[in-house]
Amino acid sequence: MDETAKKQVLRLFSYGLYAVTAREGEQTAAMTVNWATQVSFAPPLIAVSMERESRTRALVMRTGVFALCVFAAEQRELAGLLGRHSTNVPDKFASVAWSPGSATGCPLIAETLGALECRIVNTLEAGDSVLVLAAVIEAHTLRDGGPLTMQAARFKHAG
């Protein structure tokens, strides 16, 4: 396979940027993801790809719930912060305002556009990631604005 062509074509895919958050007691975790999609209207289901080795994914799997927050177009720095590995940024919420979701208690990040609180329905191993299928159990609109995309943020998926 032509690796250069593969990367070029995969980088043409449209991706949004989202924060997956989790909470268990006083422990919180967050990660930036770039692949989330609605799967079903009835019942409302979404799918999210989470890095297999992520501390956030481990907490999500342990609790069975998470929140998916939609970054606003001007939140590139926040998306970058939450996208850093937890060994480099052990307390990602040290400077991030949030409130607990009403259904799961997972962090709803302030100034994001909206959030979905979700319960895991199923998972599928997918290479270096895990595809998480989740039922939407609560939805929150937080403010108006346009969403942050991978292209606008100038982030690059490895491809």
Protein backbone atom coordinates (compact mmCIF):
# COMPACT_ATOMS: atom_id res chain seq x y z
CA MET A 1 0.00 0.00 0.00
CA ASP A 2 1.13 3.52 -0.75
CA GLU A 3 1.48 4.92 2.82
CA THR A 4 1.64 8.53 1.64
CA ALA A 5 -1.55 8.18 -0.40
CA LYS A 6 -3.29 6.40 2.49
CA LYS A 7 -2.48 9.26 4.88
CA GLN A 8 -3.52 11.90 2.35
CA VAL A 9 -6.88 10.25 1.67
CA LEU A 10 -7.66 9.47 5.31
CA ARG A 11 -6.88 13.07 6.24
CA LEU A 12 -9.62 14.18 3.82
CA PHE A 13 -12.27 12.59 6.05
CA SER A 14 -14.32 15.13 8.00
CA TYR A 15 -13.89 14.80 11.76
CA GLY A 16 -15.23 16.80 14.64
CA LEU A 17 -13.42 17.10 17.94
CA TYR A 18 -15.07 15.97 21.17
CA ALA A 19 -14.15 15.41 24.80
CA VAL A 20 -15.01 12.08 26.39
CA THR A 21 -15.27 12.51 30.16
CA ALA A 22 -15.68 10.01 32.96
CA ARG A 23 -15.98 10.10 36.72
CA GLU A 24 -15.89 7.65 39.58
CA GLY A 25 -16.20 9.28 42.99
CA GLU A 26 -13.56 12.02 43.11
CA GLN A 27 -11.58 10.57 40.18
CA THR A 28 -12.17 12.32 36.85
CA ALA A 29 -10.68 11.71 33.43
CA ALA A 30 -10.97 13.23 29.97
CA MET A 31 -9.68 12.62 26.48
CA THR A 32 -10.10 14.27 23.10
CA VAL A 33 -11.56 12.02 20.41
CA ASN A 34 -12.10 12.70 16.75
CA TRP A 35 -14.45 9.93 15.77
CA ALA A 36 -17.99 9.98 17.10
CA THR A 37 -21.19 9.48 15.17
CA GLN A 38 -24.89 9.02 15.66
CA VAL A 39 -25.86 5.43 14.93
CA SER A 40 -29.60 5.33 15.61
CA PHE A 41 -32.47 7.74 16.19
CA ALA A 42 -34.72 5.30 18.05
CA PRO A 43 -33.32 4.41 20.45
CA PRO A 44 -30.75 7.23 20.42
CA LEU A 45 -27.35 5.55 20.02
CA ILE A 46 -23.89 6.92 19.29
CA ALA A 47 -20.56 5.26 18.56
CA VAL A 48 -17.22 6.61 19.75
CA SER A 49 -13.72 5.34 19.00
CA MET A 50 -11.52 5.41 22.11
CA GLU A 51 -7.80 4.68 22.28
CA ARG A 52 -7.30 1.25 23.84
CA GLU A 53 -4.53 2.32 26.24
CA SER A 54 -6.31 5.46 27.47
CA ARG A 55 -6.82 5.98 31.21
CA THR A 56 -10.14 7.64 30.37
CA ARG A 57 -11.33 4.62 28.38
CA ALA A 58 -10.43 2.34 31.31
CA LEU A 59 -12.55 4.50 33.65
CA VAL A 60 -15.40 4.55 31.11
CA MET A 61 -15.31 0.75 30.89
CA ARG A 62 -15.22 0.39 34.68
CA THR A 63 -18.20 2.69 35.27
CA GLY A 64 -20.16 1.90 32.11
CA VAL A 65 -20.99 5.59 31.50
CA PHE A 66 -19.41 8.70 29.98
CA ALA A 67 -20.21 12.14 28.65
CA LEU A 68 -19.38 13.35 25.16
CA CYS A 69 -18.87 17.13 25.01
CA VAL A 70 -18.77 18.98 21.67
CA PHE A 71 -15.88 21.45 21.48
CA ALA A 72 -16.67 24.95 20.20
CA ALA A 73 -14.69 26.29 17.24
CA GLU A 74 -12.51 28.47 19.48
CA GLN A 75 -11.60 25.66 21.93
CA ARG A 76 -8.53 24.36 20.08
CA GLU A 77 -6.25 24.79 23.11
CA LEU A 78 -8.65 22.91 25.37
CA ALA A 79 -8.95 20.09 22.81
CA GLY A 80 -5.15 19.94 22.69
CA LEU A 81 -4.84 19.87 26.49
CA LEU A 82 -7.37 17.07 26.90
CA GLY A 83 -5.75 15.21 24.01
CA ARG A 84 -2.43 14.97 25.82
CA HIS A 85 -1.50 11.68 27.46
CA SER A 86 -2.37 11.46 31.16
CA THR A 87 1.26 10.69 32.05
CA ASN A 88 2.13 14.18 30.75
CA VAL A 89 -0.95 15.90 32.20
CA PRO A 90 -2.12 13.78 35.17
CA ASP A 91 -4.85 16.22 36.32
CA LYS A 92 -6.43 17.49 33.12
CA PHE A 93 -9.27 19.14 35.06
CA ALA A 94 -6.95 21.31 37.20
CA SER A 95 -7.75 24.36 35.07
CA VAL A 96 -10.94 23.22 33.35
CA ALA A 97 -14.36 24.33 34.62
CA TRP A 98 -17.03 21.66 34.60
CA SER A 99 -20.22 20.55 36.29
CA PRO A 100 -21.48 17.01 36.93
CA GLY A 101 -23.99 15.61 34.49
CA SER A 102 -27.45 15.02 35.97
CA ALA A 103 -27.69 11.39 34.77
CA THR A 104 -24.12 10.08 35.16
CA GLY A 105 -22.18 12.60 37.22
CA CYS A 106 -19.60 12.71 34.41
CA PRO A 107 -18.02 16.12 33.80
CA LEU A 108 -19.84 18.44 31.41
CA ILE A 109 -17.13 20.85 30.32
CA ALA A 110 -18.01 24.53 30.60
CA GLU A 111 -18.16 26.53 27.40
CA THR A 112 -18.52 23.46 25.16
CA LEU A 113 -21.51 23.60 22.83
CA GLY A 114 -23.39 20.66 24.27
CA ALA A 115 -23.00 17.27 25.82
CA LEU A 116 -24.52 13.81 25.74
CA GLU A 117 -24.52 11.56 28.77
CA CYS A 118 -24.26 7.94 27.68
CA ARG A 119 -24.41 4.36 28.93
CA ILE A 120 -22.34 1.67 27.19
CA VAL A 121 -24.38 -0.85 25.21
CA ASN A 122 -21.57 -2.77 23.49
CA THR A 123 -17.92 -2.58 22.48
CA LEU A 124 -15.85 -3.84 19.58
CA GLU A 125 -12.07 -4.18 19.53
CA ALA A 126 -10.75 -2.14 16.59
CA GLY A 127 -6.97 -2.23 16.19
CA ASP A 128 -5.38 0.23 18.63
CA SER A 129 -8.84 1.49 19.62
CA VAL A 130 -12.13 0.26 21.00
CA LEU A 131 -15.39 1.19 19.32
CA VAL A 132 -17.92 2.00 22.04
CA LEU A 133 -21.63 1.83 21.22
CA ALA A 134 -23.63 3.82 23.74
CA ALA A 135 -27.22 4.78 24.51
CA VAL A 136 -27.82 8.49 24.97
CA ILE A 137 -29.53 8.86 28.35
CA GLU A 138 -29.42 12.67 28.70
CA ALA A 139 -28.63 15.63 26.45
CA HIS A 140 -27.56 19.16 27.33
CA THR A 141 -27.35 22.24 25.11
CA LEU A 142 -24.82 24.54 26.73
CA ARG A 143 -24.42 27.45 24.31
CA ASP A 144 -24.61 28.53 20.68
CA GLY A 145 -21.69 28.40 18.29
CA GLY A 146 -19.99 26.31 15.64
CA PRO A 147 -18.13 23.06 16.36
CA LEU A 148 -14.36 22.57 16.25
CA THR A 149 -13.15 20.28 13.46
CA MET A 150 -9.87 18.48 12.93
CA GLN A 151 -9.20 20.54 9.81
CA ALA A 152 -9.85 23.88 11.52
CA ALA A 153 -7.74 22.86 14.52
CA ARG A 154 -4.98 21.72 12.15
CA PHE A 155 -4.72 18.48 14.11
CA LYS A 156 -3.70 15.45 12.08
CA HIS A 157 -4.83 11.91 12.65
CA ALA A 158 -1.90 9.59 12.10
CA GLY A 159 -3.75 7.74 9.34
